[in-house]
Amino acid sequence: MELVLFFLSAFFAEIAGTVAGFGSSTIFMPLALFFVEFRVALVLVALFHVCGNLAKAAFFRRGFDWKLFVRFGVPSVLFTIVGALLVTVVAQDLLKLVLGIILCAFSLWSLRDGVVLPRAKWVTVLGGCVSGFFAGLLGTGGAFRAAVLSSLKLRKDSFIMMNAVIAVLVDVTRIPVYIGSGFLPSGLWWVVLGLAVVAIVGAFVGKRIVDVISQKAFKIVVLAAIGLVGLKFVFDFFVAG
């Protein structure tokens, strides 16, 4: 029964992450901790995240934008490494609080008036650098990346596609470290296979939902998800404190 609940948690996390364009790992990670210990959960969720994003990249491939990938995606991946190198010297709890407040304010402001960034080269490059830096430093760059991409007024298929591709590139830099460190017991590879299937099916169901909702409704879902992640960061700071 526990195994069924584990896979159901992953399934609904992937659907929600596909509809919002990001966040499947943010949803699934705390749920996975009910079933496995932290290090195992870390690598299982990362592998699940990669499978889900590869599926989204395939389902929304028409939204791929080469210019945006070069200007936003490449700097994002490079600055993920920079952020990761500074993990031990930056106060992450306080930084998460600040990021949480920024995300909440962005969400509320965007729902009311809208935040629009110009598609100028320097804007997308800077956005990629900052979102990648947060991803490496905090391990949770999806919400900030989503905030920047949503401000560029992308079509919903392009928004999901670019988020997925960049997330995959970020993940493949950390997964070999987890596996090489022995985080995944050899007897759990069949669970990884099950999660891969769940991720693909969940992404497919999520795509069906995205296909039938309007661009306006999609924007509201994305901004609500960004706001919820921001609230979680703020909540975690005060609870931990």
C-alpha atoms as a PDB file:
ATOM      1  CA  MET A   1       0.000   0.000   0.000  1.00  0.00           C
ATOM      2  CA  GLU A   2       2.857   2.380   0.822  1.00  0.00           C
ATOM      3  CA  LEU A   3       4.384   1.776  -2.588  1.00  0.00           C
ATOM      4  CA  VAL A   4       1.084   2.620  -4.283  1.00  0.00           C
ATOM      5  CA  LEU A   5       0.835   5.873  -2.312  1.00  0.00           C
ATOM      6  CA  PHE A   6       4.455   6.674  -3.193  1.00  0.00           C
ATOM      7  CA  PHE A   7       3.804   6.344  -6.934  1.00  0.00           C
ATOM      8  CA  LEU A   8       0.456   8.170  -6.694  1.00  0.00           C
ATOM      9  CA  SER A   9       2.239  11.073  -4.970  1.00  0.00           C
ATOM     10  CA  ALA A  10       4.734  11.202  -7.822  1.00  0.00           C
ATOM     11  CA  PHE A  11       1.946  10.999 -10.411  1.00  0.00           C
ATOM     12  CA  PHE A  12      -0.029  13.948  -9.061  1.00  0.00           C
ATOM     13  CA  ALA A  13       3.177  15.955  -8.463  1.00  0.00           C
ATOM     14  CA  GLU A  14       4.083  15.521 -12.135  1.00  0.00           C
ATOM     15  CA  ILE A  15       0.615  16.556 -13.311  1.00  0.00           C
ATOM     16  CA  ALA A  16       0.756  19.688 -11.152  1.00  0.00           C
ATOM     17  CA  GLY A  17       4.329  20.428 -12.256  1.00  0.00           C
ATOM     18  CA  THR A  18       3.405  20.083 -15.927  1.00  0.00           C
ATOM     19  CA  VAL A  19       0.337  22.320 -15.663  1.00  0.00           C
ATOM     20  CA  ALA A  20       2.295  24.987 -13.774  1.00  0.00           C
ATOM     21  CA  GLY A  21       5.386  24.545 -15.932  1.00  0.00           C
ATOM     22  CA  PHE A  22       7.626  23.802 -12.933  1.00  0.00           C
ATOM     23  CA  GLY A  23       7.534  22.494  -9.381  1.00  0.00           C
ATOM     24  CA  SER A  24       7.108  18.718  -9.623  1.00  0.00           C
ATOM     25  CA  SER A  25      10.187  18.090  -7.476  1.00  0.00           C
ATOM     26  CA  THR A  26       9.170  20.819  -5.007  1.00  0.00           C
ATOM     27  CA  ILE A  27       5.871  18.999  -4.489  1.00  0.00           C
ATOM     28  CA  PHE A  28       7.225  15.458  -4.563  1.00  0.00           C
ATOM     29  CA  MET A  29      10.294  15.872  -2.322  1.00  0.00           C
ATOM     30  CA  PRO A  30       8.440  16.386   1.014  1.00  0.00           C
ATOM     31  CA  LEU A  31       6.028  13.584   0.083  1.00  0.00           C
ATOM     32  CA  ALA A  32       8.867  11.186  -0.757  1.00  0.00           C
ATOM     33  CA  LEU A  33      10.345  11.754   2.701  1.00  0.00           C
ATOM     34  CA  PHE A  34       7.350   9.958   4.187  1.00  0.00           C
ATOM     35  CA  PHE A  35       8.533   6.767   2.460  1.00  0.00           C
ATOM     36  CA  VAL A  36      12.352   6.881   2.231  1.00  0.00           C
ATOM     37  CA  GLU A  37      15.219   8.599   4.038  1.00  0.00           C
ATOM     38  CA  PHE A  38      16.559  11.954   2.823  1.00  0.00           C
ATOM     39  CA  ARG A  39      19.545  10.867   0.718  1.00  0.00           C
ATOM     40  CA  VAL A  40      17.536   8.208  -1.108  1.00  0.00           C
ATOM     41  CA  ALA A  41      14.687  10.681  -1.627  1.00  0.00           C
ATOM     42  CA  LEU A  42      17.142  13.235  -3.008  1.00  0.00           C
ATOM     43  CA  VAL A  43      18.349  10.980  -5.821  1.00  0.00           C
ATOM     44  CA  LEU A  44      14.939   9.393  -6.534  1.00  0.00           C
ATOM     45  CA  VAL A  45      13.276  12.811  -6.846  1.00  0.00           C
ATOM     46  CA  ALA A  46      16.121  14.093  -9.032  1.00  0.00           C
ATOM     47  CA  LEU A  47      15.807  11.121 -11.404  1.00  0.00           C
ATOM     48  CA  PHE A  48      12.018  11.477 -11.409  1.00  0.00           C
ATOM     49  CA  HIS A  49      12.440  15.189 -12.178  1.00  0.00           C
ATOM     50  CA  VAL A  50      14.688  14.447 -15.163  1.00  0.00           C
ATOM     51  CA  CYS A  51      12.274  11.860 -16.579  1.00  0.00           C
ATOM     52  CA  GLY A  52       9.330  14.218 -16.203  1.00  0.00           C
ATOM     53  CA  ASN A  53      11.151  17.101 -17.841  1.00  0.00           C
ATOM     54  CA  LEU A  54      12.369  14.939 -20.711  1.00  0.00           C
ATOM     55  CA  ALA A  55       8.749  13.911 -21.273  1.00  0.00           C
ATOM     56  CA  LYS A  56       7.595  17.543 -21.163  1.00  0.00           C
ATOM     57  CA  ALA A  57      10.356  18.498 -23.597  1.00  0.00           C
ATOM     58  CA  ALA A  58       9.071  15.846 -26.008  1.00  0.00           C
ATOM     59  CA  PHE A  59       5.401  16.750 -25.585  1.00  0.00           C
ATOM     60  CA  PHE A  60       5.979  20.519 -25.929  1.00  0.00           C
ATOM     61  CA  ARG A  61       8.867  20.390 -28.408  1.00  0.00           C
ATOM     62  CA  ARG A  62       7.197  22.899 -30.734  1.00  0.00           C
ATOM     63  CA  GLY A  63       7.796  25.559 -28.098  1.00  0.00           C
ATOM     64  CA  PHE A  64      11.599  25.284 -28.272  1.00  0.00           C
ATOM     65  CA  ASP A  65      13.320  28.618 -28.902  1.00  0.00           C
ATOM     66  CA  TRP A  66      17.014  28.409 -29.868  1.00  0.00           C
ATOM     67  CA  LYS A  67      17.720  32.077 -29.170  1.00  0.00           C
ATOM     68  CA  LEU A  68      16.147  31.873 -25.722  1.00  0.00           C
ATOM     69  CA  PHE A  69      18.043  28.663 -25.014  1.00  0.00           C
ATOM     70  CA  VAL A  70      21.409  30.261 -25.862  1.00  0.00           C
ATOM     71  CA  ARG A  71      20.686  33.542 -24.082  1.00  0.00           C
ATOM     72  CA  PHE A  72      18.874  32.160 -21.047  1.00  0.00           C
ATOM     73  CA  GLY A  73      19.546  28.435 -20.774  1.00  0.00           C
ATOM     74  CA  VAL A  74      23.323  28.378 -21.215  1.00  0.00           C
ATOM     75  CA  PRO A  75      24.002  31.154 -18.653  1.00  0.00           C
ATOM     76  CA  SER A  76      21.574  29.431 -16.289  1.00  0.00           C
ATOM     77  CA  VAL A  77      23.521  26.170 -16.392  1.00  0.00           C
ATOM     78  CA  LEU A  78      26.887  27.923 -16.025  1.00  0.00           C
ATOM     79  CA  PHE A  79      25.779  29.984 -13.047  1.00  0.00           C
ATOM     80  CA  THR A  80      24.285  26.895 -11.423  1.00  0.00           C
ATOM     81  CA  ILE A  81      27.880  25.757 -11.004  1.00  0.00           C
ATOM     82  CA  VAL A  82      28.850  29.167  -9.564  1.00  0.00           C
ATOM     83  CA  GLY A  83      26.007  29.005  -7.055  1.00  0.00           C
ATOM     84  CA  ALA A  84      26.898  25.448  -6.051  1.00  0.00           C
ATOM     85  CA  LEU A  85      30.471  26.499  -5.310  1.00  0.00           C
ATOM     86  CA  LEU A  86      29.213  29.152  -2.878  1.00  0.00           C
ATOM     87  CA  VAL A  87      26.852  26.892  -0.917  1.00  0.00           C
ATOM     88  CA  THR A  88      29.176  26.660   2.076  1.00  0.00           C
ATOM     89  CA  VAL A  89      29.818  30.404   2.385  1.00  0.00           C
ATOM     90  CA  VAL A  90      26.317  31.890   2.020  1.00  0.00           C
ATOM     91  CA  ALA A  91      23.596  31.934   4.687  1.00  0.00           C
ATOM     92  CA  GLN A  92      20.973  29.944   2.795  1.00  0.00           C
ATOM     93  CA  ASP A  93      18.133  30.335   5.309  1.00  0.00           C
ATOM     94  CA  LEU A  94      18.189  34.126   5.108  1.00  0.00           C
ATOM     95  CA  LEU A  95      18.588  34.035   1.339  1.00  0.00           C
ATOM     96  CA  LYS A  96      15.547  31.748   1.030  1.00  0.00           C
ATOM     97  CA  LEU A  97      13.533  34.215   3.114  1.00  0.00           C
ATOM     98  CA  VAL A  98      14.512  37.089   0.818  1.00  0.00           C
ATOM     99  CA  LEU A  99      13.788  34.994  -2.284  1.00  0.00           C
ATOM    100  CA  GLY A 100      10.437  33.942  -0.809  1.00  0.00           C
ATOM    101  CA  ILE A 101       9.417  37.550  -0.244  1.00  0.00           C
ATOM    102  CA  ILE A 102      10.486  38.477  -3.788  1.00  0.00           C
ATOM    103  CA  LEU A 103       8.496  35.591  -5.278  1.00  0.00           C
ATOM    104  CA  CYS A 104       5.365  36.466  -3.267  1.00  0.00           C
ATOM    105  CA  ALA A 105       5.604  40.124  -4.271  1.00  0.00           C
ATOM    106  CA  PHE A 106       6.207  39.183  -7.906  1.00  0.00           C
ATOM    107  CA  SER A 107       3.205  36.859  -7.921  1.00  0.00           C
ATOM    108  CA  LEU A 108       0.836  39.431  -6.422  1.00  0.00           C
ATOM    109  CA  TRP A 109       2.129  42.252  -8.627  1.00  0.00           C
ATOM    110  CA  SER A 110       1.876  40.137 -11.773  1.00  0.00           C
ATOM    111  CA  LEU A 111      -1.666  39.008 -10.981  1.00  0.00           C
ATOM    112  CA  ARG A 112      -2.709  42.642 -10.561  1.00  0.00           C
ATOM    113  CA  ASP A 113      -0.780  44.669 -13.131  1.00  0.00           C
ATOM    114  CA  GLY A 114       1.548  42.280 -14.889  1.00  0.00           C
ATOM    115  CA  VAL A 115       5.343  42.298 -15.081  1.00  0.00           C
ATOM    116  CA  VAL A 116       6.769  42.440 -18.600  1.00  0.00           C
ATOM    117  CA  LEU A 117      10.471  42.225 -19.347  1.00  0.00           C
ATOM    118  CA  PRO A 118      11.781  43.191 -22.783  1.00  0.00           C
ATOM    119  CA  ARG A 119      13.126  40.310 -24.888  1.00  0.00           C
ATOM    120  CA  ALA A 120      16.441  42.157 -25.135  1.00  0.00           C
ATOM    121  CA  LYS A 121      19.556  39.975 -25.141  1.00  0.00           C
ATOM    122  CA  TRP A 122      21.020  41.408 -21.934  1.00  0.00           C
ATOM    123  CA  VAL A 123      17.728  40.893 -20.059  1.00  0.00           C
ATOM    124  CA  THR A 124      17.449  37.202 -20.927  1.00  0.00           C
ATOM    125  CA  VAL A 125      21.160  36.604 -20.242  1.00  0.00           C
ATOM    126  CA  LEU A 126      20.910  38.305 -16.839  1.00  0.00           C
ATOM    127  CA  GLY A 127      17.733  36.385 -16.023  1.00  0.00           C
ATOM    128  CA  GLY A 128      19.464  33.113 -16.855  1.00  0.00           C
ATOM    129  CA  CYS A 129      22.482  33.995 -14.726  1.00  0.00           C
ATOM    130  CA  VAL A 130      20.408  34.908 -11.661  1.00  0.00           C
ATOM    131  CA  SER A 131      18.010  31.958 -11.893  1.00  0.00           C
ATOM    132  CA  GLY A 132      20.908  29.534 -12.415  1.00  0.00           C
ATOM    133  CA  PHE A 133      22.773  31.017  -9.477  1.00  0.00           C
ATOM    134  CA  PHE A 134      19.788  30.439  -7.181  1.00  0.00           C
ATOM    135  CA  ALA A 135      19.368  26.897  -8.514  1.00  0.00           C
ATOM    136  CA  GLY A 136      22.965  26.036  -7.631  1.00  0.00           C
ATOM    137  CA  LEU A 137      22.975  27.853  -4.303  1.00  0.00           C
ATOM    138  CA  LEU A 138      19.591  26.740  -2.968  1.00  0.00           C
ATOM    139  CA  GLY A 139      18.820  23.668  -5.033  1.00  0.00           C
ATOM    140  CA  THR A 140      15.426  25.183  -5.923  1.00  0.00           C
ATOM    141  CA  GLY A 141      15.753  27.416  -8.953  1.00  0.00           C
ATOM    142  CA  GLY A 142      12.516  26.483 -10.695  1.00  0.00           C
ATOM    143  CA  ALA A 143      10.330  29.174  -9.136  1.00  0.00           C
ATOM    144  CA  PHE A 144      12.706  32.053  -9.896  1.00  0.00           C
ATOM    145  CA  ARG A 145      13.324  30.713 -13.413  1.00  0.00           C
ATOM    146  CA  ALA A 146       9.553  30.517 -13.913  1.00  0.00           C
ATOM    147  CA  ALA A 147       9.166  34.095 -12.689  1.00  0.00           C
ATOM    148  CA  VAL A 148      11.703  35.381 -15.222  1.00  0.00           C
ATOM    149  CA  LEU A 149      10.310  33.327 -18.109  1.00  0.00           C
ATOM    150  CA  SER A 150       6.728  34.346 -17.313  1.00  0.00           C
ATOM    151  CA  SER A 151       7.798  37.993 -17.486  1.00  0.00           C
ATOM    152  CA  LEU A 152       8.977  37.420 -21.052  1.00  0.00           C
ATOM    153  CA  LYS A 153       5.363  36.663 -22.046  1.00  0.00           C
ATOM    154  CA  LEU A 154       6.113  33.331 -23.651  1.00  0.00           C
ATOM    155  CA  ARG A 155       3.404  31.096 -25.083  1.00  0.00           C
ATOM    156  CA  LYS A 156       2.454  28.334 -22.651  1.00  0.00           C
ATOM    157  CA  ASP A 157       4.111  25.610 -24.773  1.00  0.00           C
ATOM    158  CA  SER A 158       7.339  27.620 -25.036  1.00  0.00           C
ATOM    159  CA  PHE A 159       7.296  28.417 -21.310  1.00  0.00           C
ATOM    160  CA  ILE A 160       6.974  24.743 -20.353  1.00  0.00           C
ATOM    161  CA  MET A 161       9.466  23.573 -22.984  1.00  0.00           C
ATOM    162  CA  MET A 162      12.224  26.002 -22.021  1.00  0.00           C
ATOM    163  CA  ASN A 163      11.721  25.367 -18.305  1.00  0.00           C
ATOM    164  CA  ALA A 164      11.953  21.623 -18.915  1.00  0.00           C
ATOM    165  CA  VAL A 165      15.093  21.739 -21.057  1.00  0.00           C
ATOM    166  CA  ILE A 166      16.966  23.998 -18.652  1.00  0.00           C
ATOM    167  CA  ALA A 167      15.886  21.900 -15.662  1.00  0.00           C
ATOM    168  CA  VAL A 168      17.239  18.747 -17.336  1.00  0.00           C
ATOM    169  CA  LEU A 169      20.618  20.373 -17.969  1.00  0.00           C
ATOM    170  CA  VAL A 170      20.800  21.526 -14.350  1.00  0.00           C
ATOM    171  CA  ASP A 171      19.809  18.099 -13.013  1.00  0.00           C
ATOM    172  CA  VAL A 172      22.304  16.079 -15.033  1.00  0.00           C
ATOM    173  CA  THR A 173      25.129  17.984 -13.355  1.00  0.00           C
ATOM    174  CA  ARG A 174      24.099  16.815  -9.878  1.00  0.00           C
ATOM    175  CA  ILE A 175      22.677  13.311 -10.329  1.00  0.00           C
ATOM    176  CA  PRO A 176      26.050  11.600 -11.049  1.00  0.00           C
ATOM    177  CA  VAL A 177      27.330  13.057  -7.764  1.00  0.00           C
ATOM    178  CA  TYR A 178      24.394  11.575  -5.841  1.00  0.00           C
ATOM    179  CA  ILE A 179      24.773   8.140  -7.427  1.00  0.00           C
ATOM    180  CA  GLY A 180      28.557   8.185  -7.095  1.00  0.00           C
ATOM    181  CA  SER A 181      28.147   8.977  -3.402  1.00  0.00           C
ATOM    182  CA  GLY A 182      26.045   5.853  -2.914  1.00  0.00           C
ATOM    183  CA  PHE A 183      22.732   7.628  -2.295  1.00  0.00           C
ATOM    184  CA  LEU A 184      20.820   5.059  -4.376  1.00  0.00           C
ATOM    185  CA  PRO A 185      20.939   1.441  -3.114  1.00  0.00           C
ATOM    186  CA  SER A 186      21.315  -1.055  -5.960  1.00  0.00           C
ATOM    187  CA  GLY A 187      18.032  -2.745  -5.079  1.00  0.00           C
ATOM    188  CA  LEU A 188      15.990   0.366  -5.855  1.00  0.00           C
ATOM    189  CA  TRP A 189      16.621   0.681  -9.588  1.00  0.00           C
ATOM    190  CA  TRP A 190      13.250  -0.902 -10.286  1.00  0.00           C
ATOM    191  CA  VAL A 191      11.688   1.995  -8.327  1.00  0.00           C
ATOM    192  CA  VAL A 192      13.505   4.407 -10.661  1.00  0.00           C
ATOM    193  CA  LEU A 193      11.985   2.584 -13.632  1.00  0.00           C
ATOM    194  CA  GLY A 194       8.544   2.872 -12.050  1.00  0.00           C
ATOM    195  CA  LEU A 195       9.052   6.576 -11.405  1.00  0.00           C
ATOM    196  CA  ALA A 196      10.109   7.074 -15.034  1.00  0.00           C
ATOM    197  CA  VAL A 197       6.846   5.543 -16.240  1.00  0.00           C
ATOM    198  CA  VAL A 198       4.835   7.589 -13.726  1.00  0.00           C
ATOM    199  CA  ALA A 199       6.632  10.785 -14.797  1.00  0.00           C
ATOM    200  CA  ILE A 200       5.883  10.206 -18.485  1.00  0.00           C
ATOM    201  CA  VAL A 201       2.220   9.396 -17.861  1.00  0.00           C
ATOM    202  CA  GLY A 202       1.844  12.330 -15.466  1.00  0.00           C
ATOM    203  CA  ALA A 203       3.421  14.717 -17.985  1.00  0.00           C
ATOM    204  CA  PHE A 204       1.080  13.403 -20.679  1.00  0.00           C
ATOM    205  CA  VAL A 205      -2.002  13.986 -18.500  1.00  0.00           C
ATOM    206  CA  GLY A 206      -0.666  17.425 -17.596  1.00  0.00           C
ATOM    207  CA  LYS A 207      -0.205  18.260 -21.274  1.00  0.00           C
ATOM    208  CA  ARG A 208      -3.818  17.355 -21.965  1.00  0.00           C
ATOM    209  CA  ILE A 209      -4.885  19.814 -19.273  1.00  0.00           C
ATOM    210  CA  VAL A 210      -2.574  22.545 -20.616  1.00  0.00           C
ATOM    211  CA  ASP A 211      -3.978  22.032 -24.114  1.00  0.00           C
ATOM    212  CA  VAL A 212      -7.528  22.871 -23.018  1.00  0.00           C
ATOM    213  CA  ILE A 213      -6.896  25.845 -20.728  1.00  0.00           C
ATOM    214  CA  SER A 214      -6.482  29.368 -22.055  1.00  0.00           C
ATOM    215  CA  GLN A 215      -3.254  31.345 -22.010  1.00  0.00           C
ATOM    216  CA  LYS A 216      -4.781  33.623 -19.365  1.00  0.00           C
ATOM    217  CA  ALA A 217      -5.752  30.703 -17.129  1.00  0.00           C
ATOM    218  CA  PHE A 218      -2.287  29.196 -17.603  1.00  0.00           C
ATOM    219  CA  LYS A 219      -0.699  32.471 -16.492  1.00  0.00           C
ATOM    220  CA  ILE A 220      -2.807  32.502 -13.327  1.00  0.00           C
ATOM    221  CA  VAL A 221      -1.793  28.909 -12.522  1.00  0.00           C
ATOM    222  CA  VAL A 222       1.897  29.740 -12.997  1.00  0.00           C
ATOM    223  CA  LEU A 223       1.753  32.881 -10.855  1.00  0.00           C
ATOM    224  CA  ALA A 224      -0.193  31.085  -8.123  1.00  0.00           C
ATOM    225  CA  ALA A 225       2.440  28.330  -8.081  1.00  0.00           C
ATOM    226  CA  ILE A 226       5.245  30.915  -7.842  1.00  0.00           C
ATOM    227  CA  GLY A 227       3.454  32.604  -4.941  1.00  0.00           C
ATOM    228  CA  LEU A 228       2.965  29.294  -3.105  1.00  0.00           C
ATOM    229  CA  VAL A 229       6.662  28.444  -3.416  1.00  0.00           C
ATOM    230  CA  GLY A 230       7.493  31.912  -2.077  1.00  0.00           C
ATOM    231  CA  LEU A 231       5.163  31.395   0.891  1.00  0.00           C
ATOM    232  CA  LYS A 232       6.807  28.035   1.581  1.00  0.00           C
ATOM    233  CA  PHE A 233      10.252  29.654   1.704  1.00  0.00           C
ATOM    234  CA  VAL A 234       9.000  32.287   4.155  1.00  0.00           C
ATOM    235  CA  PHE A 235       7.160  29.686   6.260  1.00  0.00           C
ATOM    236  CA  ASP A 236      10.202  27.374   6.387  1.00  0.00           C
ATOM    237  CA  PHE A 237      12.399  30.253   7.598  1.00  0.00           C
ATOM    238  CA  PHE A 238      10.207  31.099  10.570  1.00  0.00           C
ATOM    239  CA  VAL A 239       9.491  27.479  11.459  1.00  0.00           C
ATOM    240  CA  ALA A 240      13.182  26.621  11.354  1.00  0.00           C
ATOM    241  CA  GLY A 241      13.930  29.732  13.364  1.00  0.00           C
END
